[in-house]
Amino acid sequence: MITSIAFTVYPVSNMERARAFYEHVLGLHTTYHYQDVWVEYDVGGSTFAVSTAETGHRPGAKGAVVAFEVSDFDAFILKLKERAVSFAAEPFETPVCRMAVIEDQDGNRITIHKRHA
């Protein structure tokens, strides 16, 4: 029986550039790193990681997508636009949430998400 998701990982081509994006642009805090080829961030009880280790996956392959829940959707989107982050989908509304899709420098897609109250 599966009880939880252990981690989600995105392959990246340049760890320094990836860390600058995920830490300084998105505001994640490093919780673990291994020899500068694997960096983990704890996010709401789950782990999100970036890696330059050769695992057979290519950065920006348009595969799985991580969705980060934010507390203030409008403020977060404004911060991303001020920092010239690339948007794959501008903010939009669904019956249950608001979301937008951005890309890191490798083309990995990230959903910014806010559930309706």
C-alpha atoms as a PDB file:
ATOM      1  CA  MET A   1       0.000   0.000   0.000  1.00  0.00           C
ATOM      2  CA  ILE A   2       1.351   3.430  -0.946  1.00  0.00           C
ATOM      3  CA  THR A   3       1.110   5.858   1.950  1.00  0.00           C
ATOM      4  CA  SER A   4       2.671   9.057   0.591  1.00  0.00           C
ATOM      5  CA  ILE A   5       4.839  10.622  -2.078  1.00  0.00           C
ATOM      6  CA  ALA A   6       8.453  10.444  -0.905  1.00  0.00           C
ATOM      7  CA  PHE A   7       9.713  13.171  -3.237  1.00  0.00           C
ATOM      8  CA  THR A   8       9.350  14.862  -6.591  1.00  0.00           C
ATOM      9  CA  VAL A   9      12.566  15.640  -8.502  1.00  0.00           C
ATOM     10  CA  TYR A  10      13.293  17.761 -11.541  1.00  0.00           C
ATOM     11  CA  PRO A  11      16.454  17.238 -13.585  1.00  0.00           C
ATOM     12  CA  VAL A  12      18.344  20.499 -14.109  1.00  0.00           C
ATOM     13  CA  SER A  13      21.366  21.346 -16.249  1.00  0.00           C
ATOM     14  CA  ASN A  14      23.048  23.860 -13.929  1.00  0.00           C
ATOM     15  CA  MET A  15      22.726  23.504 -10.157  1.00  0.00           C
ATOM     16  CA  GLU A  16      23.883  27.023  -9.292  1.00  0.00           C
ATOM     17  CA  ARG A  17      21.348  28.557 -11.670  1.00  0.00           C
ATOM     18  CA  ALA A  18      18.598  26.175 -10.498  1.00  0.00           C
ATOM     19  CA  ARG A  19      19.249  26.965  -6.838  1.00  0.00           C
ATOM     20  CA  ALA A  20      19.153  30.700  -7.548  1.00  0.00           C
ATOM     21  CA  PHE A  21      15.742  30.260  -9.191  1.00  0.00           C
ATOM     22  CA  TYR A  22      14.141  27.928  -6.639  1.00  0.00           C
ATOM     23  CA  GLU A  23      15.606  29.668  -3.579  1.00  0.00           C
ATOM     24  CA  HIS A  24      15.743  33.346  -4.537  1.00  0.00           C
ATOM     25  CA  VAL A  25      12.854  33.597  -6.999  1.00  0.00           C
ATOM     26  CA  LEU A  26      10.415  31.043  -5.554  1.00  0.00           C
ATOM     27  CA  GLY A  27      11.639  31.368  -1.958  1.00  0.00           C
ATOM     28  CA  LEU A  28      12.234  27.692  -1.131  1.00  0.00           C
ATOM     29  CA  HIS A  29      14.688  26.800   1.646  1.00  0.00           C
ATOM     30  CA  THR A  30      17.275  24.037   1.262  1.00  0.00           C
ATOM     31  CA  THR A  31      16.787  21.164   3.685  1.00  0.00           C
ATOM     32  CA  TYR A  32      19.391  18.745   2.285  1.00  0.00           C
ATOM     33  CA  HIS A  33      22.022  18.660  -0.422  1.00  0.00           C
ATOM     34  CA  TYR A  34      24.443  16.015  -1.644  1.00  0.00           C
ATOM     35  CA  GLN A  35      27.693  16.999  -3.379  1.00  0.00           C
ATOM     36  CA  ASP A  36      25.984  19.778  -5.339  1.00  0.00           C
ATOM     37  CA  VAL A  37      24.219  17.213  -7.564  1.00  0.00           C
ATOM     38  CA  TRP A  38      21.057  16.810  -5.451  1.00  0.00           C
ATOM     39  CA  VAL A  39      19.251  19.527  -3.488  1.00  0.00           C
ATOM     40  CA  GLU A  40      16.054  19.001  -1.496  1.00  0.00           C
ATOM     41  CA  TYR A  41      13.412  21.427  -0.261  1.00  0.00           C
ATOM     42  CA  ASP A  42      10.702  20.448   2.250  1.00  0.00           C
ATOM     43  CA  VAL A  43       7.400  21.855   1.051  1.00  0.00           C
ATOM     44  CA  GLY A  44       4.292  21.311   3.182  1.00  0.00           C
ATOM     45  CA  GLY A  45       5.135  17.804   4.331  1.00  0.00           C
ATOM     46  CA  SER A  46       6.585  16.662   0.996  1.00  0.00           C
ATOM     47  CA  THR A  47      10.017  16.934  -0.569  1.00  0.00           C
ATOM     48  CA  PHE A  48      10.803  18.660  -3.853  1.00  0.00           C
ATOM     49  CA  ALA A  49      14.307  18.110  -5.249  1.00  0.00           C
ATOM     50  CA  VAL A  50      16.446  19.279  -8.157  1.00  0.00           C
ATOM     51  CA  SER A  51      19.339  17.240  -9.492  1.00  0.00           C
ATOM     52  CA  THR A  52      22.128  17.337 -12.032  1.00  0.00           C
ATOM     53  CA  ALA A  53      22.837  13.609 -11.494  1.00  0.00           C
ATOM     54  CA  GLU A  54      22.567  11.523 -14.642  1.00  0.00           C
ATOM     55  CA  THR A  55      19.337   9.579 -14.196  1.00  0.00           C
ATOM     56  CA  GLY A  56      18.262   9.203 -17.809  1.00  0.00           C
ATOM     57  CA  HIS A  57      15.901  12.181 -17.550  1.00  0.00           C
ATOM     58  CA  ARG A  58      16.370  15.420 -19.447  1.00  0.00           C
ATOM     59  CA  PRO A  59      15.668  18.879 -18.045  1.00  0.00           C
ATOM     60  CA  GLY A  60      12.564  20.484 -19.498  1.00  0.00           C
ATOM     61  CA  ALA A  61      11.240  17.261 -21.010  1.00  0.00           C
ATOM     62  CA  LYS A  62       7.666  18.476 -20.341  1.00  0.00           C
ATOM     63  CA  GLY A  63       6.877  15.433 -18.251  1.00  0.00           C
ATOM     64  CA  ALA A  64       5.471  15.620 -14.729  1.00  0.00           C
ATOM     65  CA  VAL A  65       4.606  18.989 -13.189  1.00  0.00           C
ATOM     66  CA  VAL A  66       4.899  20.076  -9.583  1.00  0.00           C
ATOM     67  CA  ALA A  67       2.214  22.422  -8.219  1.00  0.00           C
ATOM     68  CA  PHE A  68       3.173  24.732  -5.354  1.00  0.00           C
ATOM     69  CA  GLU A  69       0.327  26.040  -3.182  1.00  0.00           C
ATOM     70  CA  VAL A  70       0.813  29.708  -2.231  1.00  0.00           C
ATOM     71  CA  SER A  71      -0.806  31.763   0.518  1.00  0.00           C
ATOM     72  CA  ASP A  72      -1.278  34.966  -1.538  1.00  0.00           C
ATOM     73  CA  PHE A  73      -1.721  34.154  -5.226  1.00  0.00           C
ATOM     74  CA  ASP A  74      -1.797  37.734  -6.548  1.00  0.00           C
ATOM     75  CA  ALA A  75       1.270  38.850  -4.590  1.00  0.00           C
ATOM     76  CA  PHE A  76       3.243  35.771  -5.637  1.00  0.00           C
ATOM     77  CA  ILE A  77       2.341  36.204  -9.317  1.00  0.00           C
ATOM     78  CA  LEU A  78       3.327  39.882  -9.139  1.00  0.00           C
ATOM     79  CA  LYS A  79       6.702  38.929  -7.649  1.00  0.00           C
ATOM     80  CA  LEU A  80       7.294  36.420 -10.455  1.00  0.00           C
ATOM     81  CA  LYS A  81       6.414  38.990 -13.135  1.00  0.00           C
ATOM     82  CA  GLU A  82       8.706  41.573 -11.515  1.00  0.00           C
ATOM     83  CA  ARG A  83      11.504  39.002 -11.739  1.00  0.00           C
ATOM     84  CA  ALA A  84      10.778  38.317 -15.439  1.00  0.00           C
ATOM     85  CA  VAL A  85       9.867  34.661 -14.872  1.00  0.00           C
ATOM     86  CA  SER A  86       8.657  32.911 -18.020  1.00  0.00           C
ATOM     87  CA  PHE A  87       4.916  32.095 -17.970  1.00  0.00           C
ATOM     88  CA  ALA A  88       3.707  29.072 -19.953  1.00  0.00           C
ATOM     89  CA  ALA A  89       0.118  29.899 -18.892  1.00  0.00           C
ATOM     90  CA  GLU A  90      -0.983  33.232 -17.474  1.00  0.00           C
ATOM     91  CA  PRO A  91      -3.093  33.157 -14.294  1.00  0.00           C
ATOM     92  CA  PHE A  92      -6.530  31.618 -14.753  1.00  0.00           C
ATOM     93  CA  GLU A  93      -9.420  30.497 -12.605  1.00  0.00           C
ATOM     94  CA  THR A  94     -11.155  27.136 -12.283  1.00  0.00           C
ATOM     95  CA  PRO A  95     -14.170  26.239 -10.150  1.00  0.00           C
ATOM     96  CA  VAL A  96     -11.834  25.069  -7.344  1.00  0.00           C
ATOM     97  CA  CYS A  97      -8.692  27.179  -7.658  1.00  0.00           C
ATOM     98  CA  ARG A  98      -6.597  29.867  -9.316  1.00  0.00           C
ATOM     99  CA  MET A  99      -3.373  28.882 -11.036  1.00  0.00           C
ATOM    100  CA  ALA A 100      -0.634  29.848 -13.450  1.00  0.00           C
ATOM    101  CA  VAL A 101       2.160  27.834 -15.042  1.00  0.00           C
ATOM    102  CA  ILE A 102       5.744  29.079 -15.096  1.00  0.00           C
ATOM    103  CA  GLU A 103       9.009  27.583 -16.338  1.00  0.00           C
ATOM    104  CA  ASP A 104      12.461  27.424 -14.800  1.00  0.00           C
ATOM    105  CA  GLN A 105      15.502  28.090 -16.998  1.00  0.00           C
ATOM    106  CA  ASP A 106      15.566  24.456 -18.146  1.00  0.00           C
ATOM    107  CA  GLY A 107      11.936  24.535 -19.249  1.00  0.00           C
ATOM    108  CA  ASN A 108      10.619  22.488 -16.304  1.00  0.00           C
ATOM    109  CA  ARG A 109       7.016  23.571 -15.741  1.00  0.00           C
ATOM    110  CA  ILE A 110       5.820  24.632 -12.297  1.00  0.00           C
ATOM    111  CA  THR A 111       2.197  25.308 -11.424  1.00  0.00           C
ATOM    112  CA  ILE A 112       1.544  28.121  -8.946  1.00  0.00           C
ATOM    113  CA  HIS A 113      -1.723  27.242  -7.228  1.00  0.00           C
ATOM    114  CA  LYS A 114      -4.226  28.676  -4.749  1.00  0.00           C
ATOM    115  CA  ARG A 115      -7.336  26.743  -3.683  1.00  0.00           C
ATOM    116  CA  HIS A 116     -10.544  28.718  -3.251  1.00  0.00           C
ATOM    117  CA  ALA A 117     -11.692  29.085   0.361  1.00  0.00           C
END
